[in-house]
Amino acid sequence: MVRVVDDGHGRPPVGPAPSGGHGLVGMRERVGVYDGSLVAGPRLAGGWRVEARLPLPSTPGTEVVAA
């Protein structure tokens, strides 16, 4: 699982945001290719959350833990 959380207290923009990406739709499509799931939306405490879950093959002794 990959989780990205924003507290909603970002910095002011310094210029126009770049365009041309596929945003959440593109992320959802890419995660779906691997039979995963994507959840994104506002948090109750403010800010935003994006969470992607990807199934990984289970092999004894190969668990990956990210901090």
PDB file of N, CA and C in Angstrom:
ATOM      1  N   MET A   1       0.846  -1.173   0.000  1.00  0.00           N
ATOM      2  CA  MET A   1       0.000   0.000   0.000  1.00  0.00           C
ATOM      3  C   MET A   1       0.889   1.233   0.000  1.00  0.00           C
ATOM      4  N   VAL A   2       0.473   2.225  -0.734  1.00  0.00           N
ATOM      5  CA  VAL A   2       1.127   3.528  -0.759  1.00  0.00           C
ATOM      6  C   VAL A   2       0.082   4.542  -0.345  1.00  0.00           C
ATOM      7  N   ARG A   3       0.406   5.370   0.643  1.00  0.00           N
ATOM      8  CA  ARG A   3      -0.545   6.378   1.121  1.00  0.00           C
ATOM      9  C   ARG A   3       0.159   7.734   1.138  1.00  0.00           C
ATOM     10  N   VAL A   4      -0.491   8.732   0.542  1.00  0.00           N
ATOM     11  CA  VAL A   4       0.015  10.101   0.546  1.00  0.00           C
ATOM     12  C   VAL A   4      -1.060  10.965   1.184  1.00  0.00           C
ATOM     13  N   VAL A   5      -0.656  11.735   2.203  1.00  0.00           N
ATOM     14  CA  VAL A   5      -1.604  12.570   2.944  1.00  0.00           C
ATOM     15  C   VAL A   5      -1.103  14.004   2.941  1.00  0.00           C
ATOM     16  N   ASP A   6      -2.010  14.925   2.694  1.00  0.00           N
ATOM     17  CA  ASP A   6      -1.721  16.351   2.704  1.00  0.00           C
ATOM     18  C   ASP A   6      -2.574  16.956   3.818  1.00  0.00           C
ATOM     19  N   ASP A   7      -1.981  17.816   4.645  1.00  0.00           N
ATOM     20  CA  ASP A   7      -2.733  18.403   5.757  1.00  0.00           C
ATOM     21  C   ASP A   7      -3.537  19.635   5.359  1.00  0.00           C
ATOM     22  N   GLY A   8      -3.409  20.067   4.109  1.00  0.00           N
ATOM     23  CA  GLY A   8      -4.174  21.218   3.641  1.00  0.00           C
ATOM     24  C   GLY A   8      -3.507  22.549   3.923  1.00  0.00           C
ATOM     25  N   HIS A   9      -2.316  22.536   4.505  1.00  0.00           N
ATOM     26  CA  HIS A   9      -1.603  23.771   4.820  1.00  0.00           C
ATOM     27  C   HIS A   9      -0.413  23.943   3.888  1.00  0.00           C
ATOM     28  N   GLY A  10      -0.679  23.890   2.604  1.00  0.00           N
ATOM     29  CA  GLY A  10       0.386  23.994   1.608  1.00  0.00           C
ATOM     30  C   GLY A  10       0.921  25.403   1.486  1.00  0.00           C
ATOM     31  N   ARG A  11       1.887  25.558   0.622  1.00  0.00           N
ATOM     32  CA  ARG A  11       2.458  26.881   0.379  1.00  0.00           C
ATOM     33  C   ARG A  11       1.693  27.550  -0.754  1.00  0.00           C
ATOM     34  N   PRO A  12       1.746  28.871  -0.842  1.00  0.00           N
ATOM     35  CA  PRO A  12       1.053  29.548  -1.945  1.00  0.00           C
ATOM     36  C   PRO A  12       1.690  29.175  -3.282  1.00  0.00           C
ATOM     37  N   PRO A  13       0.888  29.075  -4.334  1.00  0.00           N
ATOM     38  CA  PRO A  13       1.457  28.744  -5.642  1.00  0.00           C
ATOM     39  C   PRO A  13       2.386  29.860  -6.124  1.00  0.00           C
ATOM     40  N   VAL A  14       3.467  29.474  -6.781  1.00  0.00           N
ATOM     41  CA  VAL A  14       4.417  30.456  -7.303  1.00  0.00           C
ATOM     42  C   VAL A  14       4.229  30.674  -8.804  1.00  0.00           C
ATOM     43  N   GLY A  15       3.364  29.910  -9.401  1.00  0.00           N
ATOM     44  CA  GLY A  15       3.103  30.049 -10.827  1.00  0.00           C
ATOM     45  C   GLY A  15       1.982  29.105 -11.220  1.00  0.00           C
ATOM     46  N   PRO A  16       1.605  29.145 -12.466  1.00  0.00           N
ATOM     47  CA  PRO A  16       0.545  28.234 -12.917  1.00  0.00           C
ATOM     48  C   PRO A  16       1.003  26.776 -12.842  1.00  0.00           C
ATOM     49  N   ALA A  17       0.076  25.917 -12.487  1.00  0.00           N
ATOM     50  CA  ALA A  17       0.377  24.481 -12.403  1.00  0.00           C
ATOM     51  C   ALA A  17       0.588  23.923 -13.803  1.00  0.00           C
ATOM     52  N   PRO A  18       1.563  23.016 -13.949  1.00  0.00           N
ATOM     53  CA  PRO A  18       1.762  22.398 -15.262  1.00  0.00           C
ATOM     54  C   PRO A  18       0.555  21.548 -15.642  1.00  0.00           C
ATOM     55  N   SER A  19       0.282  21.458 -16.919  1.00  0.00           N
ATOM     56  CA  SER A  19      -0.849  20.648 -17.369  1.00  0.00           C
ATOM     57  C   SER A  19      -0.339  19.499 -18.229  1.00  0.00           C
ATOM     58  N   GLY A  20      -1.268  18.652 -18.646  1.00  0.00           N
ATOM     59  CA  GLY A  20      -0.898  17.562 -19.537  1.00  0.00           C
ATOM     60  C   GLY A  20      -0.895  16.199 -18.874  1.00  0.00           C
ATOM     61  N   GLY A  21      -1.065  16.143 -17.575  1.00  0.00           N
ATOM     62  CA  GLY A  21      -1.093  14.855 -16.886  1.00  0.00           C
ATOM     63  C   GLY A  21      -2.480  14.244 -16.930  1.00  0.00           C
ATOM     64  N   HIS A  22      -2.607  13.072 -16.350  1.00  0.00           N
ATOM     65  CA  HIS A  22      -3.892  12.390 -16.328  1.00  0.00           C
ATOM     66  C   HIS A  22      -4.464  12.300 -14.920  1.00  0.00           C
ATOM     67  N   GLY A  23      -3.765  12.839 -13.936  1.00  0.00           N
ATOM     68  CA  GLY A  23      -4.277  12.969 -12.582  1.00  0.00           C
ATOM     69  C   GLY A  23      -4.764  11.670 -11.966  1.00  0.00           C
ATOM     70  N   LEU A  24      -5.836  11.783 -11.180  1.00  0.00           N
ATOM     71  CA  LEU A  24      -6.385  10.632 -10.470  1.00  0.00           C
ATOM     72  C   LEU A  24      -6.940   9.580 -11.418  1.00  0.00           C
ATOM     73  N   VAL A  25      -7.487   9.997 -12.536  1.00  0.00           N
ATOM     74  CA  VAL A  25      -8.013   9.031 -13.508  1.00  0.00           C
ATOM     75  C   VAL A  25      -6.878   8.144 -14.013  1.00  0.00           C
ATOM     76  N   GLY A  26      -5.749   8.758 -14.347  1.00  0.00           N
ATOM     77  CA  GLY A  26      -4.595   7.993 -14.819  1.00  0.00           C
ATOM     78  C   GLY A  26      -4.042   7.068 -13.749  1.00  0.00           C
ATOM     79  N   MET A  27      -3.983   7.567 -12.503  1.00  0.00           N
ATOM     80  CA  MET A  27      -3.491   6.708 -11.416  1.00  0.00           C
ATOM     81  C   MET A  27      -4.428   5.522 -11.204  1.00  0.00           C
ATOM     82  N   ARG A  28      -5.736   5.771 -11.257  1.00  0.00           N
ATOM     83  CA  ARG A  28      -6.711   4.681 -11.066  1.00  0.00           C
ATOM     84  C   ARG A  28      -6.581   3.647 -12.184  1.00  0.00           C
ATOM     85  N   GLU A  29      -6.378   4.092 -13.410  1.00  0.00           N
ATOM     86  CA  GLU A  29      -6.211   3.161 -14.532  1.00  0.00           C
ATOM     87  C   GLU A  29      -4.946   2.322 -14.369  1.00  0.00           C
ATOM     88  N   ARG A  30      -3.854   2.947 -13.966  1.00  0.00           N
ATOM     89  CA  ARG A  30      -2.597   2.213 -13.805  1.00  0.00           C
ATOM     90  C   ARG A  30      -2.676   1.191 -12.672  1.00  0.00           C
ATOM     91  N   VAL A  31      -3.283   1.582 -11.575  1.00  0.00           N
ATOM     92  CA  VAL A  31      -3.442   0.649 -10.448  1.00  0.00           C
ATOM     93  C   VAL A  31      -4.357  -0.508 -10.858  1.00  0.00           C
ATOM     94  N   GLY A  32      -5.393  -0.212 -11.642  1.00  0.00           N
ATOM     95  CA  GLY A  32      -6.324  -1.237 -12.093  1.00  0.00           C
ATOM     96  C   GLY A  32      -5.682  -2.279 -12.988  1.00  0.00           C
ATOM     97  N   VAL A  33      -4.667  -1.885 -13.743  1.00  0.00           N
ATOM     98  CA  VAL A  33      -3.954  -2.832 -14.602  1.00  0.00           C
ATOM     99  C   VAL A  33      -3.378  -3.976 -13.770  1.00  0.00           C
ATOM    100  N   TYR A  34      -2.997  -3.682 -12.535  1.00  0.00           N
ATOM    101  CA  TYR A  34      -2.389  -4.683 -11.648  1.00  0.00           C
ATOM    102  C   TYR A  34      -3.377  -5.228 -10.615  1.00  0.00           C
ATOM    103  N   ASP A  35      -4.674  -5.101 -10.894  1.00  0.00           N
ATOM    104  CA  ASP A  35      -5.744  -5.566 -10.009  1.00  0.00           C
ATOM    105  C   ASP A  35      -5.684  -4.912  -8.633  1.00  0.00           C
ATOM    106  N   GLY A  36      -5.252  -3.660  -8.594  1.00  0.00           N
ATOM    107  CA  GLY A  36      -5.194  -2.920  -7.341  1.00  0.00           C
ATOM    108  C   GLY A  36      -6.387  -1.998  -7.208  1.00  0.00           C
ATOM    109  N   SER A  37      -6.330  -1.144  -6.183  1.00  0.00           N
ATOM    110  CA  SER A  37      -7.410  -0.185  -5.961  1.00  0.00           C
ATOM    111  C   SER A  37      -6.815   1.163  -5.575  1.00  0.00           C
ATOM    112  N   LEU A  38      -7.554   2.221  -5.858  1.00  0.00           N
ATOM    113  CA  LEU A  38      -7.128   3.570  -5.531  1.00  0.00           C
ATOM    114  C   LEU A  38      -8.280   4.279  -4.843  1.00  0.00           C
ATOM    115  N   VAL A  39      -7.981   4.911  -3.715  1.00  0.00           N
ATOM    116  CA  VAL A  39      -8.960   5.712  -2.989  1.00  0.00           C
ATOM    117  C   VAL A  39      -8.376   7.101  -2.854  1.00  0.00           C
ATOM    118  N   ALA A  40      -9.163   8.124  -3.167  1.00  0.00           N
ATOM    119  CA  ALA A  40      -8.690   9.498  -3.052  1.00  0.00           C
ATOM    120  C   ALA A  40      -9.849  10.383  -2.633  1.00  0.00           C
ATOM    121  N   GLY A  41      -9.550  11.365  -1.799  1.00  0.00           N
ATOM    122  CA  GLY A  41     -10.581  12.290  -1.390  1.00  0.00           C
ATOM    123  C   GLY A  41     -10.146  13.152  -0.234  1.00  0.00           C
ATOM    124  N   PRO A  42     -11.003  14.098   0.135  1.00  0.00           N
ATOM    125  CA  PRO A  42     -10.678  14.998   1.240  1.00  0.00           C
ATOM    126  C   PRO A  42     -10.693  14.263   2.581  1.00  0.00           C
ATOM    127  N   ARG A  43      -9.840  14.733   3.498  1.00  0.00           N
ATOM    128  CA  ARG A  43      -9.810  14.183   4.861  1.00  0.00           C
ATOM    129  C   ARG A  43     -10.701  15.015   5.766  1.00  0.00           C
ATOM    130  N   LEU A  44     -11.265  14.401   6.789  1.00  0.00           N
ATOM    131  CA  LEU A  44     -12.111  15.130   7.739  1.00  0.00           C
ATOM    132  C   LEU A  44     -11.333  16.233   8.443  1.00  0.00           C
ATOM    133  N   ALA A  45     -10.049  16.004   8.720  1.00  0.00           N
ATOM    134  CA  ALA A  45      -9.212  16.980   9.417  1.00  0.00           C
ATOM    135  C   ALA A  45      -8.667  18.048   8.475  1.00  0.00           C
ATOM    136  N   GLY A  46      -9.052  18.017   7.213  1.00  0.00           N
ATOM    137  CA  GLY A  46      -8.540  18.948   6.219  1.00  0.00           C
ATOM    138  C   GLY A  46      -7.477  18.288   5.364  1.00  0.00           C
ATOM    139  N   GLY A  47      -7.251  18.852   4.218  1.00  0.00           N
ATOM    140  CA  GLY A  47      -6.269  18.281   3.317  1.00  0.00           C
ATOM    141  C   GLY A  47      -6.857  17.182   2.448  1.00  0.00           C
ATOM    142  N   TRP A  48      -5.983  16.331   1.968  1.00  0.00           N
ATOM    143  CA  TRP A  48      -6.363  15.332   0.967  1.00  0.00           C
ATOM    144  C   TRP A  48      -5.609  14.045   1.221  1.00  0.00           C
ATOM    145  N   ARG A  49      -6.177  12.916   0.775  1.00  0.00           N
ATOM    146  CA  ARG A  49      -5.532  11.606   0.931  1.00  0.00           C
ATOM    147  C   ARG A  49      -5.664  10.836  -0.371  1.00  0.00           C
ATOM    148  N   VAL A  50      -4.559  10.201  -0.774  1.00  0.00           N
ATOM    149  CA  VAL A  50      -4.553   9.292  -1.920  1.00  0.00           C
ATOM    150  C   VAL A  50      -3.918   7.992  -1.433  1.00  0.00           C
ATOM    151  N   GLU A  51      -4.613   6.882  -1.646  1.00  0.00           N
ATOM    152  CA  GLU A  51      -4.118   5.582  -1.177  1.00  0.00           C
ATOM    153  C   GLU A  51      -4.249   4.560  -2.294  1.00  0.00           C
ATOM    154  N   ALA A  52      -3.129   3.929  -2.642  1.00  0.00           N
ATOM    155  CA  ALA A  52      -3.119   2.889  -3.678  1.00  0.00           C
ATOM    156  C   ALA A  52      -2.752   1.565  -3.033  1.00  0.00           C
ATOM    157  N   ARG A  53      -3.501   0.534  -3.344  1.00  0.00           N
ATOM    158  CA  ARG A  53      -3.212  -0.820  -2.869  1.00  0.00           C
ATOM    159  C   ARG A  53      -2.962  -1.699  -4.081  1.00  0.00           C
ATOM    160  N   LEU A  54      -1.809  -2.364  -4.053  1.00  0.00           N
ATOM    161  CA  LEU A  54      -1.431  -3.262  -5.146  1.00  0.00           C
ATOM    162  C   LEU A  54      -1.167  -4.636  -4.578  1.00  0.00           C
ATOM    163  N   PRO A  55      -1.799  -5.668  -5.148  1.00  0.00           N
ATOM    164  CA  PRO A  55      -1.521  -7.013  -4.668  1.00  0.00           C
ATOM    165  C   PRO A  55      -0.121  -7.444  -5.094  1.00  0.00           C
ATOM    166  N   LEU A  56       0.606  -8.013  -4.164  1.00  0.00           N
ATOM    167  CA  LEU A  56       1.946  -8.514  -4.463  1.00  0.00           C
ATOM    168  C   LEU A  56       1.954 -10.020  -4.324  1.00  0.00           C
ATOM    169  N   PRO A  57       2.729 -10.708  -5.146  1.00  0.00           N
ATOM    170  CA  PRO A  57       2.812 -12.160  -5.006  1.00  0.00           C
ATOM    171  C   PRO A  57       3.380 -12.508  -3.629  1.00  0.00           C
ATOM    172  N   SER A  58       2.822 -13.526  -3.024  1.00  0.00           N
ATOM    173  CA  SER A  58       3.250 -13.937  -1.688  1.00  0.00           C
ATOM    174  C   SER A  58       4.308 -15.026  -1.797  1.00  0.00           C
ATOM    175  N   THR A  59       5.504 -14.690  -1.346  1.00  0.00           N
ATOM    176  CA  THR A  59       6.611 -15.647  -1.308  1.00  0.00           C
ATOM    177  C   THR A  59       7.201 -15.585   0.098  1.00  0.00           C
ATOM    178  N   PRO A  60       7.322 -16.695   0.782  1.00  0.00           N
ATOM    179  CA  PRO A  60       7.847 -16.669   2.150  1.00  0.00           C
ATOM    180  C   PRO A  60       9.199 -15.967   2.232  1.00  0.00           C
ATOM    181  N   GLY A  61       9.307 -15.080   3.217  1.00  0.00           N
ATOM    182  CA  GLY A  61      10.564 -14.381   3.468  1.00  0.00           C
ATOM    183  C   GLY A  61      10.835 -13.183   2.588  1.00  0.00           C
ATOM    184  N   THR A  62       9.838 -12.727   1.804  1.00  0.00           N
ATOM    185  CA  THR A  62      10.076 -11.590   0.920  1.00  0.00           C
ATOM    186  C   THR A  62       9.184 -10.401   1.244  1.00  0.00           C
ATOM    187  N   GLU A  63       8.700 -10.312   2.455  1.00  0.00           N
ATOM    188  CA  GLU A  63       7.820  -9.198   2.833  1.00  0.00           C
ATOM    189  C   GLU A  63       8.605  -7.903   2.779  1.00  0.00           C
ATOM    190  N   VAL A  64       7.974  -6.862   2.211  1.00  0.00           N
ATOM    191  CA  VAL A  64       8.582  -5.549   2.097  1.00  0.00           C
ATOM    192  C   VAL A  64       7.851  -4.606   3.033  1.00  0.00           C
ATOM    193  N   VAL A  65       8.585  -3.915   3.881  1.00  0.00           N
ATOM    194  CA  VAL A  65       7.992  -2.951   4.819  1.00  0.00           C
ATOM    195  C   VAL A  65       8.600  -1.600   4.543  1.00  0.00           C
ATOM    196  N   ALA A  66       7.747  -0.597   4.293  1.00  0.00           N
ATOM    197  CA  ALA A  66       8.223   0.754   4.040  1.00  0.00           C
ATOM    198  C   ALA A  66       7.846   1.637   5.223  1.00  0.00           C
ATOM    199  N   ALA A  67       8.734   2.501   5.596  1.00  0.00           N
ATOM    200  CA  ALA A  67       8.482   3.439   6.710  1.00  0.00           C
ATOM    201  C   ALA A  67       7.824   4.681   6.220  1.00  0.00           C
TER     202      ALA A  67
END
